[in-house]
Structure formats: structure tokens, C-alpha cells
Amino acid sequence: MSDNNQLTETSPQQNMTLRIPGDIVNRATADLPDEQRSAIRRLHAHYIEHGLTIDETAKIIGYTGAVVSQLFRGKYEGKLDNVVKGINSFFELQDKRSQGRKLSFVPTALTDRIWNVCGAALEFQKIAFIFGDQQIGKTEALKAYRDAHNHGSTVYVRMPTGGAMCNFLKELARPLRIGENLSNVRLRERIKNAFDDRMLLIVDEAHACIKESHSTSAIQSIDFIREIFDERQCGVVICATNVFRDAMEAGALYKILRQIKRRRLCALQLPNVPTQADLNTFAAAYDLAPATGPARELEKHLLEDEALGMWLTLLRMGAKLAAQRKQKITWQHVLAAHAGLKELEGQKF
């Protein structure tokens, strides 16, 4: 019995309407040079994410549907360089058009360290760990890394609450562009086969699979990550709070988690709060000088009580307030934005 979304040999007309899953494309492009492989996988991601037909996808790069179908399946016999040139031209225009619509990612010393760990895990085909409190910028840095290296090489997934294997498989299937309507057994195999040794798997919020009951069934998803690594030799980054770190070092789950610990390249322990240098970098991104006086007091207060996420939200609110008033942003706009929030809450800082 064939999978519902497995591509089968059909007529060219039928092929134009079939959804070609990501693992098929990954296997078809696994041995191509980096530029060709990345371009084809990026085009396939665009085709899936925007719900395009094969013919619509072909039109945007100036080719026929038959060519794109063969391209995705590894059966195209023409000059790949010419097709890749058309793909790259399309995405160069797309990138230019989207620049003004995206909120820029602000790189800091902390995010540089996170990116370096990701790069090392990929280069040396090992498992790396990143530990730290919630709301200190881990997820934003990891997603930015994915976006910058997402053309078939980086897969980012967030561990679902509870870490149940069936839910984790579905979360993994989405970025790999594999249909979810498969048995868990088939989905496991399809997911594993979608990876190769030039890919990086990033698993965020991995502590979600560590339950208070310390049930071994709660970490089956972590064992599956180890299985992917062992069989496909891809790089892996596991990001979690210190709860996961502590469970891996000692406790009821130690004997199970040490199997993945033994495969590690490094473990990056992040600080509980951002450094002042990184905070100044965030301020500079909004054309603000380092915070002083009341602004600095507010900065310290929010980082202690609310963490980085709230402080960055307040900076964005201050920028919006300045724009509404058609003024250049100052710390007074940030203070005013905070006062507005406190007024909603009926409190004063």
C-alpha cells in the first residue's frame, strides 16, 4: 500500500497536479553541488509554502512544468546551471522586495556565539547543546540562523509540549515538507531519510519532553533525534533550559540521556541576562544611545522581572510611538510607551 503523498509514476499531465513531498526532493538533490542543491530545495519550499502547482512554479522561473517536475525528482537531464540561474534570479528579486517589510534581526555577541555553535555542529557532524533561561534570545537567534541557512540545509523544529513522539514527528514533518497522513512507522522512516550529512537539525525547547514524573516514555523524541544523528550523520543542535541540562547530568533520566550526551561536540551555557554590550547593541538598532538615568533603571527592572523579550517589545513600542508623532525616537518615547502599559494595568513603576 503506497503512501498518500508518495510520488508514483504517472502521466506528465497528472504529475503537474501532484504535491511532491520534501523528502523526495532532498534525496534527489543529496549529491548535487551546494548551489544547485540549495536553489532546487528553496524552489520546492516556495512551491509547498505558497500552495503553487508545478506549472505555476515553473512559470516564475521561466521553465515548463515538466522541467520542474523532473528537477524535483532528480530526473532532469538538461543543464542544471541554466535552471539554477533562473531560480536564483527569481529569489534575488523576491529578497529585494521583502527587505522593507521585515523587521531586521539584530545580531549581538550572544547570537554570534549561538550561530558559531550551529556552524560547528554542521561542520563537524556532531551534536551541540545550548542551555539557558527562557526569554533571553535563544529562539530568535536560532530562527535567524535557520532563515539565513534554510535552503535545504537547516531544519528548525520546536519540541511540542509533553514531547510525545507522535506530535514531535508531525512537527518535524512540516519543515521537511512531508505529509503528516502517514503511520508513525512510515513517518519515522521518511523523516530520517530526508536528512543527509550536509544538513543541520535544530531542536528548540527540548526541555518540553522532560516531565516531572521522569517517565522514560517522555524522552522517546530525544532518542529519535539520536537515531537521526546516528543513521544520517547530520549536525544537531539541542536547545533547552537548564532543566534539560540537569536531567542529563544526574537524576532518574541520566542513563537514557547520557546516550545523546556522549555524542556532543560542545555545550554552550548562556548567561541569565544579556550583557550590557548586547543591550547597547539593541538600543543602537533603534538609533538610541546606551540607556542612562530612568531609562537604565527601567531596563534593569524589566530584565529582572520580564526578561529580554519584554524589553525588546518596549523598544519597538517606543519606535512606533515616535513614528506616530513624526519624531526621532528618544528614550522618552520608550518611557512613555511603558507608562502607557502601566496605565492599562492600573499600576505605576
Protein backbone atom coordinates (compact mmCIF):
# COMPACT_ATOMS: atom_id res chain seq x y z
CA MET A 1 0.00 0.00 0.00
CA SER A 2 1.55 3.30 -1.07
CA ASP A 3 1.70 6.49 1.00
CA ASN A 4 -0.89 9.11 0.13
CA ASN A 5 1.72 11.73 -0.72
CA GLN A 6 4.38 9.44 -2.20
CA LEU A 7 5.06 10.39 -5.81
CA THR A 8 4.31 7.48 -8.16
CA GLU A 9 4.95 7.00 -11.86
CA THR A 10 2.04 8.68 -13.65
CA SER A 11 1.38 10.57 -16.83
CA PRO A 12 3.00 14.01 -17.29
CA GLN A 13 -0.44 15.61 -17.02
CA GLN A 14 -1.07 14.02 -13.63
CA ASN A 15 2.38 14.94 -12.42
CA MET A 16 1.55 18.61 -12.86
CA THR A 17 -1.04 18.45 -10.08
CA LEU A 18 0.67 16.10 -7.60
CA ARG A 19 2.27 17.50 -4.48
CA ILE A 20 5.88 16.34 -4.47
CA PRO A 21 7.00 15.89 -0.82
CA GLY A 22 10.20 17.31 0.57
CA ASP A 23 11.96 14.06 1.36
CA ILE A 24 11.69 13.05 -2.32
CA VAL A 25 13.39 16.30 -3.32
CA ASN A 26 16.01 16.01 -0.57
CA ARG A 27 17.04 12.57 -1.74
CA ALA A 28 17.03 13.65 -5.39
CA THR A 29 19.36 16.57 -4.65
CA ALA A 30 21.52 14.99 -1.94
CA ASP A 31 24.60 14.60 -4.15
CA LEU A 32 24.40 17.89 -6.05
CA PRO A 33 26.86 20.76 -5.53
CA ASP A 34 25.77 23.17 -2.79
CA GLU A 35 24.49 25.95 -5.07
CA GLN A 36 22.34 23.64 -7.19
CA ARG A 37 21.06 21.70 -4.20
CA SER A 38 20.14 24.85 -2.25
CA ALA A 39 18.39 26.50 -5.20
CA ILE A 40 16.23 23.48 -6.02
CA ARG A 41 15.26 22.90 -2.39
CA ARG A 42 14.44 26.57 -1.93
CA LEU A 43 12.21 26.50 -5.01
CA HIS A 44 10.47 23.41 -3.68
CA ALA A 45 9.88 25.09 -0.31
CA HIS A 46 8.34 28.08 -2.12
CA TYR A 47 6.13 25.71 -4.14
CA ILE A 48 4.83 23.97 -0.98
CA GLU A 49 4.54 27.00 1.29
CA HIS A 50 2.63 29.08 -1.26
CA GLY A 51 0.38 26.24 -2.44
CA LEU A 52 1.55 26.51 -6.05
CA THR A 53 1.02 23.95 -8.77
CA ILE A 54 4.01 22.60 -10.67
CA ASP A 55 3.03 24.75 -13.67
CA GLU A 56 2.77 27.90 -11.53
CA THR A 57 6.15 27.16 -10.00
CA ALA A 58 7.67 26.64 -13.43
CA LYS A 59 6.26 29.93 -14.72
CA ILE A 60 8.03 32.04 -12.08
CA ILE A 61 11.43 30.76 -13.19
CA GLY A 62 10.70 30.69 -16.92
CA TYR A 63 10.51 26.92 -17.49
CA THR A 64 7.85 24.29 -18.15
CA GLY A 65 6.08 22.20 -15.58
CA ALA A 66 7.69 19.07 -16.98
CA VAL A 67 11.15 20.50 -16.29
CA VAL A 68 10.31 21.43 -12.70
CA SER A 69 8.72 18.03 -12.06
CA GLN A 70 11.86 16.30 -13.35
CA LEU A 71 14.03 18.74 -11.38
CA PHE A 72 12.30 17.92 -8.08
CA ARG A 73 12.56 14.19 -8.76
CA GLY A 74 16.21 14.19 -9.84
CA LYS A 75 15.40 13.20 -13.41
CA TYR A 76 16.22 16.37 -15.30
CA GLU A 77 18.84 15.68 -17.98
CA GLY A 78 19.45 19.24 -19.18
CA LYS A 79 22.00 21.76 -17.89
CA LEU A 80 21.19 22.36 -14.26
CA ASP A 81 23.24 25.56 -14.16
CA ASN A 82 20.79 27.29 -16.50
CA VAL A 83 17.76 26.32 -14.40
CA VAL A 84 19.53 27.30 -11.18
CA LYS A 85 20.29 30.70 -12.70
CA GLY A 86 16.56 31.21 -13.29
CA ILE A 87 15.74 30.12 -9.74
CA ASN A 88 18.34 32.44 -8.22
CA SER A 89 17.12 35.39 -10.32
CA PHE A 90 13.59 34.90 -9.04
CA PHE A 91 14.64 34.78 -5.39
CA GLU A 92 17.01 37.74 -5.72
CA LEU A 93 14.01 39.84 -6.79
CA GLN A 94 11.86 38.36 -4.02
CA ASP A 95 14.51 39.20 -1.42
CA LYS A 96 14.77 42.81 -2.59
CA ARG A 97 11.01 43.27 -2.41
CA SER A 98 10.77 41.81 1.09
CA GLN A 99 13.61 43.77 2.68
CA GLY A 100 11.44 46.73 3.53
CA ARG A 101 8.68 44.58 5.01
CA LYS A 102 10.76 42.59 7.51
CA LEU A 103 11.85 43.68 10.94
CA SER A 104 15.61 43.33 10.86
CA PHE A 105 17.27 40.76 13.08
CA VAL A 106 19.74 42.43 15.43
CA PRO A 107 22.94 40.36 15.77
CA THR A 108 24.70 40.57 19.14
CA ALA A 109 27.69 38.90 20.79
CA LEU A 110 25.26 36.34 22.25
CA THR A 111 23.70 35.48 18.91
CA ASP A 112 27.15 35.25 17.34
CA ARG A 113 28.05 32.57 19.89
CA ILE A 114 24.83 30.68 19.15
CA TRP A 115 25.47 30.87 15.40
CA ASN A 116 29.04 29.65 15.90
CA VAL A 117 27.77 26.60 17.78
CA CYS A 118 25.30 25.86 14.97
CA GLY A 119 28.04 26.20 12.37
CA ALA A 120 30.39 23.91 14.30
CA ALA A 121 27.71 21.22 14.76
CA LEU A 122 27.11 21.23 11.00
CA GLU A 123 30.78 21.32 10.02
CA PHE A 124 31.90 18.53 12.35
CA GLN A 125 28.66 16.50 12.11
CA LYS A 126 28.21 16.36 15.87
CA ILE A 127 25.57 17.18 18.49
CA ALA A 128 25.83 20.53 20.27
CA PHE A 129 23.80 21.76 23.24
CA ILE A 130 22.69 25.28 24.10
CA PHE A 131 21.37 25.85 27.63
CA GLY A 132 19.86 28.95 29.17
CA ASP A 133 16.80 30.51 30.76
CA GLN A 134 13.72 31.31 28.73
CA GLN A 135 13.30 34.73 27.12
CA ILE A 136 16.99 35.54 26.72
CA GLY A 137 17.08 35.44 22.91
CA LYS A 138 17.87 31.79 22.13
CA THR A 139 14.88 31.14 19.90
CA GLU A 140 15.20 34.38 17.93
CA ALA A 141 18.88 33.64 17.23
CA LEU A 142 18.16 30.06 16.17
CA LYS A 143 15.32 31.09 13.86
CA ALA A 144 17.51 33.75 12.31
CA TYR A 145 20.20 31.12 11.71
CA ARG A 146 17.58 28.90 10.07
CA ASP A 147 16.41 31.72 7.84
CA ALA A 148 19.97 32.50 6.75
CA HIS A 149 20.80 28.82 6.11
CA ASN A 150 17.39 27.46 5.20
CA HIS A 151 17.85 26.48 1.57
CA GLY A 152 17.77 22.77 2.15
CA SER A 153 20.42 22.66 4.86
CA THR A 154 18.82 23.73 8.17
CA VAL A 155 15.69 22.29 9.74
CA TYR A 156 14.32 24.07 12.82
CA VAL A 157 11.69 22.40 15.00
CA ARG A 158 10.24 23.24 18.40
CA MET A 159 9.65 20.35 20.79
CA PRO A 160 5.90 20.15 21.43
CA THR A 161 4.63 20.39 24.99
CA GLY A 162 4.98 16.99 26.65
CA GLY A 163 7.33 15.80 23.92
CA ALA A 164 5.03 13.00 22.73
CA MET A 165 6.61 11.13 19.85
CA CYS A 166 3.56 11.35 17.57
CA ASN A 167 3.42 15.14 17.98
CA PHE A 168 7.16 15.52 17.50
CA LEU A 169 7.02 13.56 14.24
CA LYS A 170 4.33 15.91 12.93
CA GLU A 171 6.38 18.96 13.93
CA LEU A 172 9.39 17.55 12.07
CA ALA A 173 7.36 16.63 9.00
CA ARG A 174 6.28 20.24 8.39
CA PRO A 175 9.67 21.90 7.76
CA LEU A 176 10.73 18.81 5.79
CA ARG A 177 7.57 19.25 3.70
CA ILE A 178 6.42 15.68 4.23
CA GLY A 179 2.70 14.93 4.51
CA GLU A 180 1.54 14.02 8.01
CA ASN A 181 -1.13 11.49 7.00
CA LEU A 182 1.17 8.52 7.44
CA SER A 183 1.59 5.90 10.12
CA ASN A 184 4.20 6.74 12.74
CA VAL A 185 6.38 3.92 11.46
CA ARG A 186 6.39 5.27 7.89
CA LEU A 187 6.74 8.86 9.05
CA ARG A 188 9.81 7.95 11.12
CA GLU A 189 11.50 6.41 8.10
CA ARG A 190 10.55 9.24 5.75
CA ILE A 191 11.88 11.83 8.20
CA LYS A 192 15.17 10.01 8.75
CA ASN A 193 15.71 9.55 5.03
CA ALA A 194 15.09 13.27 4.42
CA PHE A 195 18.35 14.13 6.24
CA ASP A 196 21.91 13.85 4.99
CA ASP A 197 25.37 14.78 6.23
CA ARG A 198 25.18 18.34 4.86
CA MET A 199 22.14 19.23 6.94
CA LEU A 200 21.61 20.63 10.43
CA LEU A 201 18.70 19.76 12.72
CA ILE A 202 17.90 22.37 15.38
CA VAL A 203 15.56 21.23 18.17
CA ASP A 204 14.40 24.13 20.32
CA GLU A 205 12.61 23.94 23.71
CA ALA A 206 13.90 20.36 24.16
CA HIS A 207 13.15 20.53 27.90
CA ALA A 208 9.45 20.18 26.99
CA CYS A 209 9.94 16.42 26.89
CA ILE A 210 11.26 16.27 30.48
CA LYS A 211 8.26 15.64 32.70
CA GLU A 212 8.12 15.85 36.46
CA SER A 213 7.23 12.17 36.55
CA HIS A 214 10.59 11.37 34.92
CA SER A 215 8.84 8.81 32.73
CA THR A 216 11.19 7.28 30.17
CA SER A 217 8.42 7.41 27.57
CA ALA A 218 8.59 11.20 27.77
CA ILE A 219 12.00 11.29 26.09
CA GLN A 220 11.36 8.97 23.14
CA SER A 221 11.57 12.06 20.96
CA ILE A 222 15.10 12.76 22.19
CA ASP A 223 16.06 9.18 21.42
CA PHE A 224 14.70 9.66 17.90
CA ILE A 225 16.95 12.70 17.48
CA ARG A 226 19.89 10.49 18.42
CA GLU A 227 18.69 7.91 15.91
CA ILE A 228 18.59 10.50 13.11
CA PHE A 229 22.09 11.62 14.03
CA ASP A 230 23.49 8.10 14.16
CA GLU A 231 21.99 6.99 10.85
CA ARG A 232 22.25 10.16 8.77
CA GLN A 233 25.32 11.83 10.31
CA CYS A 234 23.79 15.31 10.16
CA GLY A 235 24.68 18.06 12.60
CA VAL A 236 22.31 18.52 15.54
CA VAL A 237 21.74 21.43 17.94
CA ILE A 238 19.59 20.81 21.00
CA CYS A 239 18.48 23.99 22.78
CA ALA A 240 16.82 23.83 26.19
CA THR A 241 16.56 25.39 29.61
CA ASN A 242 18.78 24.22 32.44
CA VAL A 243 16.12 21.66 33.39
CA PHE A 244 17.30 19.52 30.48
CA ARG A 245 20.96 20.07 31.37
CA ASP A 246 20.37 18.96 34.97
CA ALA A 247 18.43 15.88 33.85
CA MET A 248 21.27 14.94 31.51
CA GLU A 249 23.89 15.29 34.24
CA ALA A 250 22.10 13.44 37.04
CA GLY A 251 18.74 12.05 38.10
CA ALA A 252 16.29 9.39 37.02
CA LEU A 253 16.76 10.00 33.28
CA TYR A 254 20.55 10.20 33.35
CA LYS A 255 21.20 6.71 31.97
CA ILE A 256 18.98 7.37 28.96
CA LEU A 257 20.08 10.92 28.25
CA ARG A 258 23.78 10.11 28.53
CA GLN A 259 23.49 8.25 25.21
CA ILE A 260 22.97 11.55 23.45
CA LYS A 261 25.37 13.38 25.79
CA ARG A 262 28.22 11.11 24.65
CA ARG A 263 27.78 12.33 21.09
CA ARG A 264 28.17 16.00 21.91
CA LEU A 265 30.69 18.38 20.42
CA CYS A 266 30.13 21.16 22.96
CA ALA A 267 27.60 22.63 25.39
CA LEU A 268 27.09 26.39 25.40
CA GLN A 269 25.81 27.77 28.72
CA LEU A 270 24.18 31.16 28.22
CA PRO A 271 24.01 33.91 30.87
CA ASN A 272 20.74 34.51 32.70
CA VAL A 273 20.56 38.09 31.45
CA PRO A 274 22.03 39.80 28.38
CA THR A 275 25.33 41.63 28.76
CA GLN A 276 25.28 45.40 28.81
CA ALA A 277 27.14 45.37 25.49
CA ASP A 278 24.29 43.39 23.89
CA LEU A 279 21.68 45.70 25.42
CA ASN A 280 23.54 48.66 23.93
CA THR A 281 23.51 46.88 20.57
CA PHE A 282 19.72 46.56 20.72
CA ALA A 283 19.44 50.25 21.61
CA ALA A 284 21.73 51.22 18.73
CA ALA A 285 19.48 49.29 16.32
CA TYR A 286 16.83 51.91 17.15
CA ASP A 287 19.31 54.79 16.89
CA LEU A 288 19.39 55.15 20.68
CA ALA A 289 22.46 55.79 22.82
CA PRO A 290 23.04 53.40 25.77
CA ALA A 291 20.30 53.80 28.36
CA THR A 292 21.01 56.11 31.31
CA GLY A 293 19.02 57.53 34.21
CA PRO A 294 15.34 56.49 34.31
CA ALA A 295 15.72 54.54 31.06
CA ARG A 296 18.55 52.47 32.53
CA GLU A 297 16.53 51.81 35.69
CA LEU A 298 13.61 50.66 33.58
CA GLU A 299 15.94 48.46 31.52
CA LYS A 300 17.27 46.73 34.65
CA HIS A 301 13.80 46.37 36.15
CA LEU A 302 12.27 44.74 33.07
CA LEU A 303 15.18 42.37 32.56
CA GLU A 304 14.86 41.19 36.15
CA ASP A 305 11.06 40.82 36.11
CA GLU A 306 10.10 40.26 32.47
CA ALA A 307 13.27 39.10 30.64
CA LEU A 308 14.63 40.27 27.29
CA GLY A 309 11.50 39.65 25.25
CA MET A 310 9.52 42.33 27.06
CA TRP A 311 12.35 44.86 26.83
CA LEU A 312 12.61 44.40 23.07
CA THR A 313 8.85 44.73 22.77
CA LEU A 314 9.04 48.03 24.65
CA LEU A 315 11.76 49.30 22.29
CA ARG A 316 9.50 48.50 19.33
CA MET A 317 6.60 50.26 21.03
CA GLY A 318 8.76 53.33 21.63
CA ALA A 319 9.78 53.36 17.97
CA LYS A 320 6.15 53.12 16.88
CA LEU A 321 5.15 55.93 19.21
CA ALA A 322 7.90 58.16 17.79
CA ALA A 323 6.81 57.35 14.24
CA GLN A 324 3.20 58.21 15.06
CA ARG A 325 4.33 61.57 16.39
CA LYS A 326 6.66 62.00 13.40
CA GLN A 327 9.60 62.41 15.75
CA LYS A 328 13.06 60.91 16.05
CA ILE A 329 12.98 58.22 18.72
CA THR A 330 14.42 59.05 22.14
CA TRP A 331 14.37 57.26 25.46
CA GLN A 332 11.42 59.46 26.40
CA HIS A 333 9.33 57.61 23.82
CA VAL A 334 10.31 54.28 25.40
CA LEU A 335 9.43 55.59 28.87
CA ALA A 336 6.13 56.92 27.55
CA ALA A 337 5.32 53.53 25.98
CA HIS A 338 5.98 51.84 29.31
CA ALA A 339 3.84 54.39 31.16
CA GLY A 340 1.03 53.58 28.74
CA LEU A 341 1.31 49.90 29.55
CA LYS A 342 1.27 50.59 33.28
CA GLU A 343 -1.80 52.77 32.83
CA LEU A 344 -3.57 49.83 31.17
CA GLU A 345 -2.65 47.67 34.14
CA GLY A 346 -3.61 50.35 36.67
CA GLN A 347 -0.08 50.35 38.08
CA LYS A 348 2.86 52.69 38.31
CA PHE A 349 6.52 51.84 38.14
